[in-house]
C-alpha atoms as a PDB file:
ATOM      1  CA  MET A   1      -0.006   0.014  -0.004  1.00  0.00           C
ATOM      2  CA  MET A   2       2.732   2.450   0.919  1.00  0.00           C
ATOM      3  CA  SER A   3       4.512   2.141  -2.452  1.00  0.00           C
ATOM      4  CA  GLY A   4       1.983   4.461  -4.118  1.00  0.00           C
ATOM      5  CA  LEU A   5       2.534   7.208  -1.554  1.00  0.00           C
ATOM      6  CA  VAL A   6       6.101   8.219  -2.413  1.00  0.00           C
ATOM      7  CA  SER A   7       4.927  11.719  -3.489  1.00  0.00           C
ATOM      8  CA  LEU A   8       3.036  12.536  -0.295  1.00  0.00           C
ATOM      9  CA  PRO A   9       6.066  13.300   1.934  1.00  0.00           C
ATOM     10  CA  ALA A  10       6.811  16.220  -0.404  1.00  0.00           C
ATOM     11  CA  LEU A  11       3.928  17.992   1.300  1.00  0.00           C
ATOM     12  CA  LEU A  12       6.017  18.125   4.488  1.00  0.00           C
ATOM     13  CA  GLY A  13       8.815  20.147   2.814  1.00  0.00           C
ATOM     14  CA  ASN A  14      12.464  19.452   2.166  1.00  0.00           C
ATOM     15  CA  GLY A  15      13.499  20.214   5.728  1.00  0.00           C
ATOM     16  CA  TRP A  16      11.335  17.461   7.254  1.00  0.00           C
ATOM     17  CA  VAL A  17      13.094  15.455   9.955  1.00  0.00           C
ATOM     18  CA  VAL A  18      11.600  12.112  11.000  1.00  0.00           C
ATOM     19  CA  PRO A  19      10.740  12.316  14.736  1.00  0.00           C
ATOM     20  CA  SER A  20      12.656   9.971  16.983  1.00  0.00           C
ATOM     21  CA  GLU A  21       9.598   9.491  19.164  1.00  0.00           C
ATOM     22  CA  PRO A  22       5.990   8.404  18.416  1.00  0.00           C
ATOM     23  CA  VAL A  23       3.630  11.183  17.262  1.00  0.00           C
ATOM     24  CA  ALA A  24      -0.103  11.489  16.637  1.00  0.00           C
ATOM     25  CA  VAL A  25      -2.283  13.009  13.913  1.00  0.00           C
ATOM     26  CA  GLY A  26      -5.735  14.377  14.568  1.00  0.00           C
ATOM     27  CA  TRP A  27      -7.503  12.363  11.832  1.00  0.00           C
ATOM     28  CA  SER A  28     -10.992  13.313  10.736  1.00  0.00           C
ATOM     29  CA  GLY A  29     -10.832  11.221   7.555  1.00  0.00           C
ATOM     30  CA  GLY A  30     -10.851  14.354   5.388  1.00  0.00           C
ATOM     31  CA  ALA A  31      -8.349  15.047   2.626  1.00  0.00           C
ATOM     32  CA  ASP A  32      -5.973  17.226   4.695  1.00  0.00           C
ATOM     33  CA  SER A  33      -5.596  14.952   7.730  1.00  0.00           C
ATOM     34  CA  THR A  34      -5.497  11.827   5.561  1.00  0.00           C
ATOM     35  CA  ALA A  35      -2.672  13.249   3.442  1.00  0.00           C
ATOM     36  CA  LEU A  36      -0.781  14.276   6.563  1.00  0.00           C
ATOM     37  CA  LEU A  37      -1.234  10.885   8.228  1.00  0.00           C
ATOM     38  CA  LEU A  38      -0.024   8.979   5.172  1.00  0.00           C
ATOM     39  CA  ALA A  39       2.813  11.411   4.442  1.00  0.00           C
ATOM     40  CA  LEU A  40       4.146  10.864   7.970  1.00  0.00           C
ATOM     41  CA  LYS A  41       3.741   7.098   7.645  1.00  0.00           C
ATOM     42  CA  ALA A  42       5.557   7.090   4.322  1.00  0.00           C
ATOM     43  CA  THR A  43       8.573   8.841   5.889  1.00  0.00           C
ATOM     44  CA  GLY A  44       8.905   6.046   8.455  1.00  0.00           C
ATOM     45  CA  THR A  45       7.453   8.113  11.312  1.00  0.00           C
ATOM     46  CA  ASP A  46       5.978   6.106  14.210  1.00  0.00           C
ATOM     47  CA  VAL A  47       2.494   7.638  13.928  1.00  0.00           C
ATOM     48  CA  ARG A  48      -0.892   6.877  15.382  1.00  0.00           C
ATOM     49  CA  ALA A  49      -4.306   8.251  14.399  1.00  0.00           C
ATOM     50  CA  TRP A  50      -6.517  10.068  16.916  1.00  0.00           C
ATOM     51  CA  HIS A  51     -10.150  10.348  15.742  1.00  0.00           C
ATOM     52  CA  VAL A  52     -12.811  12.332  17.615  1.00  0.00           C
ATOM     53  CA  ASP A  53     -16.407  11.645  16.589  1.00  0.00           C
ATOM     54  CA  HIS A  54     -18.436  14.799  17.341  1.00  0.00           C
ATOM     55  CA  ALA A  55     -21.749  12.948  16.735  1.00  0.00           C
ATOM     56  CA  TRP A  56     -22.991  15.769  14.523  1.00  0.00           C
ATOM     57  CA  HIS A  57     -24.600  13.533  11.917  1.00  0.00           C
ATOM     58  CA  PRO A  58     -26.093   9.984  11.879  1.00  0.00           C
ATOM     59  CA  GLU A  59     -23.312   8.523   9.737  1.00  0.00           C
ATOM     60  CA  SER A  60     -20.484   9.514  12.051  1.00  0.00           C
ATOM     61  CA  ALA A  61     -20.354   6.215  13.985  1.00  0.00           C
ATOM     62  CA  ALA A  62     -20.204   4.231  10.714  1.00  0.00           C
ATOM     63  CA  GLU A  63     -17.485   6.545   9.421  1.00  0.00           C
ATOM     64  CA  CYS A  64     -15.468   5.930  12.594  1.00  0.00           C
ATOM     65  CA  ARG A  65     -15.649   2.179  11.992  1.00  0.00           C
ATOM     66  CA  TYR A  66     -14.638   2.678   8.345  1.00  0.00           C
ATOM     67  CA  LEU A  67     -11.588   4.735   9.416  1.00  0.00           C
ATOM     68  CA  ALA A  68     -10.648   2.066  11.967  1.00  0.00           C
ATOM     69  CA  GLY A  69     -10.622  -0.483   9.163  1.00  0.00           C
ATOM     70  CA  LEU A  70      -8.419   1.748   6.963  1.00  0.00           C
ATOM     71  CA  ALA A  71      -5.977   2.282   9.782  1.00  0.00           C
ATOM     72  CA  ARG A  72      -5.679  -1.498  10.262  1.00  0.00           C
ATOM     73  CA  GLN A  73      -4.922  -1.915   6.554  1.00  0.00           C
ATOM     74  CA  TRP A  74      -2.253   0.802   6.706  1.00  0.00           C
ATOM     75  CA  GLY A  75      -0.685  -0.558   9.904  1.00  0.00           C
ATOM     76  CA  ILE A  76      -1.444   2.612  11.869  1.00  0.00           C
ATOM     77  CA  PRO A  77      -2.633   2.403  15.510  1.00  0.00           C
ATOM     78  CA  PHE A  78      -6.102   3.944  15.724  1.00  0.00           C
ATOM     79  CA  PHE A  79      -7.790   5.524  18.726  1.00  0.00           C
ATOM     80  CA  ALA A  80     -11.323   6.907  18.702  1.00  0.00           C
ATOM     81  CA  ALA A  81     -13.694   8.654  21.085  1.00  0.00           C
ATOM     82  CA  ARG A  82     -17.281   9.868  20.647  1.00  0.00           C
ATOM     83  CA  LEU A  83     -18.330  13.149  22.226  1.00  0.00           C
ATOM     84  CA  ASP A  84     -21.756  14.123  23.460  1.00  0.00           C
ATOM     85  CA  LEU A  85     -23.723  16.474  21.233  1.00  0.00           C
ATOM     86  CA  PRO A  86     -23.000  20.145  22.163  1.00  0.00           C
ATOM     87  CA  ALA A  87     -25.691  21.577  24.389  1.00  0.00           C
ATOM     88  CA  GLY A  88     -24.982  25.294  23.845  1.00  0.00           C
ATOM     89  CA  ARG A  89     -25.380  27.652  20.919  1.00  0.00           C
ATOM     90  CA  ASN A  90     -21.708  27.653  19.912  1.00  0.00           C
ATOM     91  CA  ARG A  91     -21.395  24.124  18.550  1.00  0.00           C
ATOM     92  CA  GLU A  92     -18.043  24.711  16.948  1.00  0.00           C
ATOM     93  CA  GLY A  93     -16.527  26.152  20.139  1.00  0.00           C
ATOM     94  CA  GLU A  94     -17.836  23.341  22.317  1.00  0.00           C
ATOM     95  CA  ALA A  95     -16.672  20.683  19.863  1.00  0.00           C
ATOM     96  CA  ARG A  96     -13.230  22.241  19.702  1.00  0.00           C
ATOM     97  CA  ARG A  97     -12.919  22.257  23.517  1.00  0.00           C
ATOM     98  CA  GLY A  98     -14.104  18.642  23.717  1.00  0.00           C
ATOM     99  CA  ARG A  99     -11.674  17.579  20.969  1.00  0.00           C
ATOM    100  CA  TYR A 100      -8.662  19.155  22.632  1.00  0.00           C
ATOM    101  CA  GLN A 101      -9.607  17.680  26.006  1.00  0.00           C
ATOM    102  CA  GLN A 102      -9.664  14.275  24.380  1.00  0.00           C
ATOM    103  CA  PHE A 103      -6.313  14.914  22.720  1.00  0.00           C
ATOM    104  CA  ALA A 104      -4.853  15.904  26.096  1.00  0.00           C
ATOM    105  CA  GLY A 105      -6.147  12.664  27.651  1.00  0.00           C
ATOM    106  CA  TRP A 106      -4.642  10.536  24.912  1.00  0.00           C
ATOM    107  CA  SER A 107      -1.396  12.443  25.163  1.00  0.00           C
ATOM    108  CA  GLU A 108      -1.053  11.621  28.832  1.00  0.00           C
ATOM    109  CA  ALA A 109      -2.172   8.014  28.503  1.00  0.00           C
ATOM    110  CA  GLN A 110       0.059   7.213  25.545  1.00  0.00           C
ATOM    111  CA  ARG A 111       2.997   9.453  26.446  1.00  0.00           C
ATOM    112  CA  ILE A 112       2.694  11.304  23.166  1.00  0.00           C
ATOM    113  CA  GLY A 113       4.203  14.821  23.169  1.00  0.00           C
ATOM    114  CA  ARG A 114       3.644  15.903  19.543  1.00  0.00           C
ATOM    115  CA  LEU A 115       0.301  16.213  17.773  1.00  0.00           C
ATOM    116  CA  PHE A 116       0.103  17.025  14.048  1.00  0.00           C
ATOM    117  CA  LEU A 117      -2.982  18.696  12.576  1.00  0.00           C
ATOM    118  CA  GLY A 118      -3.827  18.955   8.882  1.00  0.00           C
ATOM    119  CA  HIS A 119      -4.852  22.602   8.653  1.00  0.00           C
ATOM    120  CA  HIS A 120      -3.819  24.130   5.345  1.00  0.00           C
ATOM    121  CA  ARG A 121      -3.554  27.516   3.655  1.00  0.00           C
ATOM    122  CA  ASN A 122      -7.276  27.751   2.860  1.00  0.00           C
ATOM    123  CA  ASP A 123      -8.108  26.994   6.515  1.00  0.00           C
ATOM    124  CA  GLN A 124      -5.749  29.752   7.564  1.00  0.00           C
ATOM    125  CA  ALA A 125      -7.458  32.315   5.327  1.00  0.00           C
ATOM    126  CA  GLU A 126     -10.884  31.326   6.677  1.00  0.00           C
ATOM    127  CA  THR A 127      -9.631  31.594  10.250  1.00  0.00           C
ATOM    128  CA  VAL A 128      -8.198  35.085   9.705  1.00  0.00           C
ATOM    129  CA  PHE A 129     -11.376  36.362   8.096  1.00  0.00           C
ATOM    130  CA  LEU A 130     -13.532  34.743  10.793  1.00  0.00           C
ATOM    131  CA  ARG A 131     -11.520  36.437  13.516  1.00  0.00           C
ATOM    132  CA  MET A 132     -11.744  39.797  11.729  1.00  0.00           C
ATOM    133  CA  LEU A 133     -15.547  39.389  11.664  1.00  0.00           C
ATOM    134  CA  GLN A 134     -15.460  38.670  15.391  1.00  0.00           C
ATOM    135  CA  GLY A 135     -13.555  41.926  16.052  1.00  0.00           C
ATOM    136  CA  ALA A 136     -10.159  40.407  16.830  1.00  0.00           C
ATOM    137  CA  GLY A 137      -7.115  42.669  17.044  1.00  0.00           C
ATOM    138  CA  VAL A 138      -3.707  42.130  15.526  1.00  0.00           C
ATOM    139  CA  ALA A 139      -2.886  39.135  17.744  1.00  0.00           C
ATOM    140  CA  GLY A 140      -6.041  37.273  16.804  1.00  0.00           C
ATOM    141  CA  CYS A 141      -5.676  38.046  13.094  1.00  0.00           C
ATOM    142  CA  ARG A 142      -2.294  36.291  12.956  1.00  0.00           C
ATOM    143  CA  GLY A 143      -4.321  33.130  12.415  1.00  0.00           C
ATOM    144  CA  MET A 144      -3.255  29.646  13.465  1.00  0.00           C
ATOM    145  CA  PRO A 145       0.396  29.232  14.469  1.00  0.00           C
ATOM    146  CA  GLY A 146       2.487  26.598  12.750  1.00  0.00           C
ATOM    147  CA  CYS A 147       3.609  25.328  16.144  1.00  0.00           C
ATOM    148  CA  ARG A 148       2.448  25.980  19.684  1.00  0.00           C
ATOM    149  CA  ARG A 149       2.389  24.427  23.130  1.00  0.00           C
ATOM    150  CA  GLN A 150      -0.888  23.399  24.818  1.00  0.00           C
ATOM    151  CA  GLY A 151      -0.338  21.779  28.154  1.00  0.00           C
ATOM    152  CA  HIS A 152       2.034  18.824  27.656  1.00  0.00           C
ATOM    153  CA  LEU A 153       1.407  18.742  23.870  1.00  0.00           C
ATOM    154  CA  THR A 154       3.302  20.444  21.092  1.00  0.00           C
ATOM    155  CA  ILE A 155       0.781  21.048  18.322  1.00  0.00           C
ATOM    156  CA  GLU A 156       2.212  21.328  14.827  1.00  0.00           C
ATOM    157  CA  ARG A 157       0.586  22.269  11.490  1.00  0.00           C
ATOM    158  CA  PRO A 158       3.102  21.424   8.739  1.00  0.00           C
ATOM    159  CA  LEU A 159       0.620  21.999   5.872  1.00  0.00           C
ATOM    160  CA  LEU A 160      -0.281  25.626   6.647  1.00  0.00           C
ATOM    161  CA  ASP A 161       1.476  26.900   3.527  1.00  0.00           C
ATOM    162  CA  ILE A 162      -0.099  24.288   1.232  1.00  0.00           C
ATOM    163  CA  ASP A 163      -3.296  24.940  -0.757  1.00  0.00           C
ATOM    164  CA  ARG A 164      -6.218  22.538  -0.379  1.00  0.00           C
ATOM    165  CA  GLN A 165      -6.110  21.801  -4.130  1.00  0.00           C
ATOM    166  CA  ARG A 166      -2.513  20.593  -4.004  1.00  0.00           C
ATOM    167  CA  ILE A 167      -3.316  18.260  -1.110  1.00  0.00           C
ATOM    168  CA  GLU A 168      -6.285  16.736  -2.904  1.00  0.00           C
ATOM    169  CA  THR A 169      -4.265  16.381  -6.154  1.00  0.00           C
ATOM    170  CA  ALA A 170      -1.507  14.540  -4.234  1.00  0.00           C
ATOM    171  CA  LEU A 171      -4.059  12.109  -2.807  1.00  0.00           C
ATOM    172  CA  ARG A 172      -5.662  11.439  -6.178  1.00  0.00           C
ATOM    173  CA  GLU A 173      -2.255  10.746  -7.705  1.00  0.00           C
ATOM    174  CA  ALA A 174      -1.590   8.289  -4.884  1.00  0.00           C
ATOM    175  CA  GLY A 175      -4.944   6.602  -5.422  1.00  0.00           C
ATOM    176  CA  VAL A 176      -6.212   7.447  -1.952  1.00  0.00           C
ATOM    177  CA  ASP A 177      -9.837   8.420  -1.227  1.00  0.00           C
ATOM    178  CA  TRP A 178     -11.028  10.522   1.677  1.00  0.00           C
ATOM    179  CA  LEU A 179     -14.252  11.278   3.525  1.00  0.00           C
ATOM    180  CA  GLU A 180     -16.269  14.413   3.003  1.00  0.00           C
ATOM    181  CA  ASP A 181     -17.662  15.462   6.374  1.00  0.00           C
ATOM    182  CA  ALA A 182     -21.439  16.047   6.048  1.00  0.00           C
ATOM    183  CA  SER A 183     -21.165  18.936   8.526  1.00  0.00           C
ATOM    184  CA  ASN A 184     -18.966  20.817   6.025  1.00  0.00           C
ATOM    185  CA  SER A 185     -22.062  21.695   3.995  1.00  0.00           C
ATOM    186  CA  ASP A 186     -24.026  23.015   7.026  1.00  0.00           C
ATOM    187  CA  LEU A 187     -24.352  26.741   6.210  1.00  0.00           C
ATOM    188  CA  SER A 188     -25.593  27.495   9.744  1.00  0.00           C
ATOM    189  CA  LEU A 189     -21.934  27.249  10.760  1.00  0.00           C
ATOM    190  CA  LEU A 190     -20.213  30.550  10.054  1.00  0.00           C
ATOM    191  CA  ARG A 191     -16.982  28.974   8.738  1.00  0.00           C
ATOM    192  CA  ASN A 192     -18.970  26.960   6.198  1.00  0.00           C
ATOM    193  CA  HIS A 193     -20.881  30.087   5.123  1.00  0.00           C
ATOM    194  CA  ILE A 194     -17.534  31.821   4.557  1.00  0.00           C
ATOM    195  CA  ARG A 195     -16.176  28.834   2.599  1.00  0.00           C
ATOM    196  CA  HIS A 196     -19.199  28.204   0.377  1.00  0.00           C
ATOM    197  CA  ARG A 197     -20.765  31.660   0.013  1.00  0.00           C
ATOM    198  CA  VAL A 198     -18.429  34.550   0.919  1.00  0.00           C
ATOM    199  CA  PHE A 199     -15.167  33.327  -0.581  1.00  0.00           C
ATOM    200  CA  PRO A 200     -16.754  32.256  -3.910  1.00  0.00           C
ATOM    201  CA  SER A 201     -18.412  35.706  -4.155  1.00  0.00           C
ATOM    202  CA  MET A 202     -15.029  37.364  -3.615  1.00  0.00           C
ATOM    203  CA  ARG A 203     -13.462  35.231  -6.318  1.00  0.00           C
ATOM    204  CA  ALA A 204     -16.292  36.110  -8.688  1.00  0.00           C
ATOM    205  CA  ALA A 205     -15.547  39.790  -8.019  1.00  0.00           C
ATOM    206  CA  GLY A 206     -11.875  39.268  -8.940  1.00  0.00           C
ATOM    207  CA  THR A 207     -10.270  38.936  -5.499  1.00  0.00           C
ATOM    208  CA  ASP A 208      -8.543  35.756  -4.295  1.00  0.00           C
ATOM    209  CA  PRO A 209      -9.615  35.574  -0.612  1.00  0.00           C
ATOM    210  CA  VAL A 210      -6.956  32.978   0.289  1.00  0.00           C
ATOM    211  CA  ASP A 211      -4.128  35.202  -0.947  1.00  0.00           C
ATOM    212  CA  LEU A 212      -5.717  38.288   0.607  1.00  0.00           C
ATOM    213  CA  PHE A 213      -6.224  36.943   4.139  1.00  0.00           C
ATOM    214  CA  CYS A 214      -2.982  34.961   4.192  1.00  0.00           C
ATOM    215  CA  ARG A 215      -1.158  38.193   3.334  1.00  0.00           C
ATOM    216  CA  TRP A 216      -2.976  39.881   6.236  1.00  0.00           C
ATOM    217  CA  SER A 217      -1.928  36.998   8.480  1.00  0.00           C
ATOM    218  CA  GLN A 218       1.703  37.636   7.573  1.00  0.00           C
ATOM    219  CA  GLN A 219       1.311  41.375   8.120  1.00  0.00           C
ATOM    220  CA  ALA A 220      -0.437  40.813  11.453  1.00  0.00           C
ATOM    221  CA  ASN A 221       2.451  38.582  12.530  1.00  0.00           C
ATOM    222  CA  ARG A 222       4.960  41.332  11.700  1.00  0.00           C
ATOM    223  CA  ILE A 223       2.911  43.951  13.574  1.00  0.00           C
ATOM    224  CA  ALA A 224       2.453  41.631  16.551  1.00  0.00           C
ATOM    225  CA  ALA A 225       6.231  41.078  16.668  1.00  0.00           C
ATOM    226  CA  GLU A 226       6.819  44.830  16.791  1.00  0.00           C
ATOM    227  CA  LEU A 227       4.223  45.206  19.554  1.00  0.00           C
ATOM    228  CA  GLU A 228       5.883  42.411  21.470  1.00  0.00           C
ATOM    229  CA  LYS A 229       9.227  44.131  21.147  1.00  0.00           C
ATOM    230  CA  ALA A 230       7.778  47.436  22.406  1.00  0.00           C
ATOM    231  CA  THR A 231       5.973  45.680  25.283  1.00  0.00           C
ATOM    232  CA  LYS A 232       9.224  44.064  26.514  1.00  0.00           C
ATOM    233  CA  THR A 233      10.622  47.527  27.354  1.00  0.00           C
ATOM    234  CA  THR A 234       7.975  47.879  30.099  1.00  0.00           C
ATOM    235  CA  PRO A 235       8.556  45.551  33.053  1.00  0.00           C
ATOM    236  CA  VAL A 236       5.455  43.695  34.361  1.00  0.00           C
ATOM    237  CA  ASP A 237       5.967  42.638  38.012  1.00  0.00           C
ATOM    238  CA  THR A 238       3.937  39.939  39.733  1.00  0.00           C
ATOM    239  CA  LEU A 239       3.185  40.631  43.417  1.00  0.00           C
ATOM    240  CA  GLY A 240       1.165  37.770  44.798  1.00  0.00           C
ATOM    241  CA  ASP A 241      -2.471  38.524  43.972  1.00  0.00           C
ATOM    242  CA  ARG A 242      -1.674  41.410  41.640  1.00  0.00           C
ATOM    243  CA  VAL A 243       0.602  42.544  38.819  1.00  0.00           C
ATOM    244  CA  ARG A 244       1.877  46.050  38.152  1.00  0.00           C
ATOM    245  CA  VAL A 245       3.559  48.309  35.618  1.00  0.00           C
ATOM    246  CA  GLY A 246       4.855  51.840  36.057  1.00  0.00           C
ATOM    247  CA  TRP A 247       2.072  54.364  35.460  1.00  0.00           C
ATOM    248  CA  ASN A 248       4.294  56.638  33.336  1.00  0.00           C
ATOM    249  CA  ASP A 249       5.455  53.664  31.277  1.00  0.00           C
ATOM    250  CA  TRP A 250       1.784  52.775  30.724  1.00  0.00           C
ATOM    251  CA  LEU A 251       0.694  56.335  29.980  1.00  0.00           C
ATOM    252  CA  ASN A 252       3.529  56.999  27.493  1.00  0.00           C
ATOM    253  CA  SER A 253       2.929  53.802  25.534  1.00  0.00           C
ATOM    254  CA  ALA A 254       0.909  53.758  22.331  1.00  0.00           C
ATOM    255  CA  PRO A 255      -2.708  52.472  22.721  1.00  0.00           C
ATOM    256  CA  ALA A 256      -1.811  49.241  20.869  1.00  0.00           C
ATOM    257  CA  VAL A 257       1.087  48.610  23.261  1.00  0.00           C
ATOM    258  CA  ARG A 258      -1.177  49.279  26.250  1.00  0.00           C
ATOM    259  CA  ALA A 259      -3.627  46.698  24.897  1.00  0.00           C
ATOM    260  CA  ARG A 260      -0.808  44.149  24.631  1.00  0.00           C
ATOM    261  CA  LEU A 261       0.401  45.045  28.147  1.00  0.00           C
ATOM    262  CA  LEU A 262      -3.096  44.491  29.544  1.00  0.00           C
ATOM    263  CA  GLN A 263      -3.192  41.100  27.834  1.00  0.00           C
ATOM    264  CA  GLN A 264       0.174  40.221  29.379  1.00  0.00           C
ATOM    265  CA  MET A 265      -0.885  41.409  32.805  1.00  0.00           C
ATOM    266  CA  THR A 266      -4.134  39.386  32.629  1.00  0.00           C
ATOM    267  CA  SER A 267      -2.228  36.298  31.556  1.00  0.00           C
ATOM    268  CA  GLN A 268       0.252  36.644  34.420  1.00  0.00           C
ATOM    269  CA  LEU A 269      -2.558  37.166  36.910  1.00  0.00           C
ATOM    270  CA  PHE A 270      -4.960  34.405  35.822  1.00  0.00           C
ATOM    271  CA  GLY A 271      -2.762  32.008  33.869  1.00  0.00           C
ATOM    272  CA  GLU A 272      -1.665  31.360  30.288  1.00  0.00           C
ATOM    273  CA  GLY A 273      -4.481  31.638  27.745  1.00  0.00           C
ATOM    274  CA  THR A 274      -6.555  34.115  29.724  1.00  0.00           C
ATOM    275  CA  THR A 275      -7.052  37.346  27.828  1.00  0.00           C
ATOM    276  CA  PRO A 276      -9.224  40.464  28.224  1.00  0.00           C
ATOM    277  CA  GLY A 277     -12.017  41.006  25.734  1.00  0.00           C
ATOM    278  CA  ARG A 278     -12.126  43.954  23.357  1.00  0.00           C
ATOM    279  CA  ARG A 279     -14.696  45.667  25.528  1.00  0.00           C
ATOM    280  CA  HIS A 280     -12.326  45.533  28.549  1.00  0.00           C
ATOM    281  CA  ILE A 281      -9.443  46.891  26.441  1.00  0.00           C
ATOM    282  CA  GLU A 282     -11.622  49.794  25.264  1.00  0.00           C
ATOM    283  CA  LEU A 283     -12.796  50.496  28.833  1.00  0.00           C
ATOM    284  CA  ALA A 284      -9.175  50.569  30.040  1.00  0.00           C
ATOM    285  CA  GLU A 285      -8.198  52.926  27.205  1.00  0.00           C
ATOM    286  CA  THR A 286     -11.042  55.335  27.978  1.00  0.00           C
ATOM    287  CA  TRP A 287     -10.203  55.216  31.706  1.00  0.00           C
ATOM    288  CA  THR A 288      -6.544  55.969  30.916  1.00  0.00           C
ATOM    289  CA  ARG A 289      -7.400  58.952  28.668  1.00  0.00           C
ATOM    290  CA  HIS A 290      -9.448  60.431  31.519  1.00  0.00           C
ATOM    291  CA  GLY A 291      -6.515  60.282  33.924  1.00  0.00           C
ATOM    292  CA  GLY A 292      -6.967  56.856  35.470  1.00  0.00           C
ATOM    293  CA  HIS A 293      -8.857  58.101  38.545  1.00  0.00           C
ATOM    294  CA  GLY A 294     -10.699  55.907  41.006  1.00  0.00           C
ATOM    295  CA  GLY A 295      -9.899  52.512  39.516  1.00  0.00           C
ATOM    296  CA  LEU A 296     -11.715  50.422  36.915  1.00  0.00           C
ATOM    297  CA  ASP A 297     -13.542  47.138  37.472  1.00  0.00           C
ATOM    298  CA  LEU A 298     -13.078  44.518  34.761  1.00  0.00           C
ATOM    299  CA  SER A 299     -14.248  40.908  34.748  1.00  0.00           C
ATOM    300  CA  GLY A 300     -12.800  39.340  37.877  1.00  0.00           C
ATOM    301  CA  CYS A 301     -10.140  42.033  38.343  1.00  0.00           C
ATOM    302  CA  ARG A 302      -9.626  45.760  38.923  1.00  0.00           C
ATOM    303  CA  LEU A 303      -7.181  48.349  37.534  1.00  0.00           C
ATOM    304  CA  GLU A 304      -5.922  50.932  40.052  1.00  0.00           C
ATOM    305  CA  ARG A 305      -3.215  53.589  40.235  1.00  0.00           C
ATOM    306  CA  VAL A 306      -1.188  53.136  43.437  1.00  0.00           C
ATOM    307  CA  ARG A 307       1.814  55.437  44.172  1.00  0.00           C
ATOM    308  CA  GLY A 308       3.121  55.817  40.666  1.00  0.00           C
ATOM    309  CA  ASN A 309       2.227  52.331  39.491  1.00  0.00           C
ATOM    310  CA  LEU A 310      -0.674  50.746  37.709  1.00  0.00           C
ATOM    311  CA  HIS A 311      -1.936  47.619  39.481  1.00  0.00           C
ATOM    312  CA  LEU A 312      -4.182  44.894  38.134  1.00  0.00           C
ATOM    313  CA  ARG A 313      -5.487  42.711  40.952  1.00  0.00           C
ATOM    314  CA  ARG A 314      -8.022  39.934  41.259  1.00  0.00           C
ATOM    315  CA  SER A 315     -11.429  41.075  42.483  1.00  0.00           C
ATOM    316  CA  ASP A 316     -11.568  38.292  45.066  1.00  0.00           C
ATOM    317  CA  ALA A 317      -8.353  39.663  46.626  1.00  0.00           C
ATOM    318  CA  MET A 318     -10.292  42.771  47.717  1.00  0.00           C
ATOM    319  CA  LEU A 319     -12.562  40.584  49.921  1.00  0.00           C
ATOM    320  CA  ARG A 320      -9.776  39.261  52.096  1.00  0.00           C
END
């Protein structure tokens, strides 16, 4: 079976180094994750397939069994879990949280430290546009990172610079089929509406949305790097239940730098991954412009000027 897949490793790039340890691929059965799984297998990587069934459509259980059979044919260890149907309004968000919780559990149980995901260039463009619609700032509009840490897992996306069409062409040339997820045609999901309605309309008007939003992702990354550099000149000190920066440092910074500082302060106070919403950033900016008098209550915390410093402290600390 593997003899027909000699072209798939080219998707990983010339600099690909075969991992010395076992790795996992988040495998939905779609073209992107299938190509990634088989490309890794063809390089001699010790890879296993992690499949999460979101139970969104009646055929999902049968598809899971089909994928288990394929994995057996290919000699790839297969692990599957079925999630409960999302109960809230944000199905995509709940499914994503459940998926990553399952990945974290498998990571610990199997001692797997690297997870590969098949997101590609088209996915990146959709993500950037989606975040712009949601009002994200520069940091959010960078899109998905090629590599990041989440808990004990290093999550890698080696296909981010590859177009969907090239991936599908490589699979056809290798004689490999893939599943089309029925939920991908559900236009009640915003990402699908972007993919099937908005982006085709942009192409019809003469604009390539993938090129456009991937260019913005690159630009956002450059701007974010400059903001990060400017932020590092202002020390953020952690003092038990609060963090602080110098008031003059804060006041003399550009608004975009203050927003990044507030994100950093919130992260240091509440833990990695916690970030203030846009409304909180705008409230802090208005409060600063009016002199920063009297303090400002945000969600679960409070900004205050104290003897030449700006403090951010947890609200529950004020009750002690």
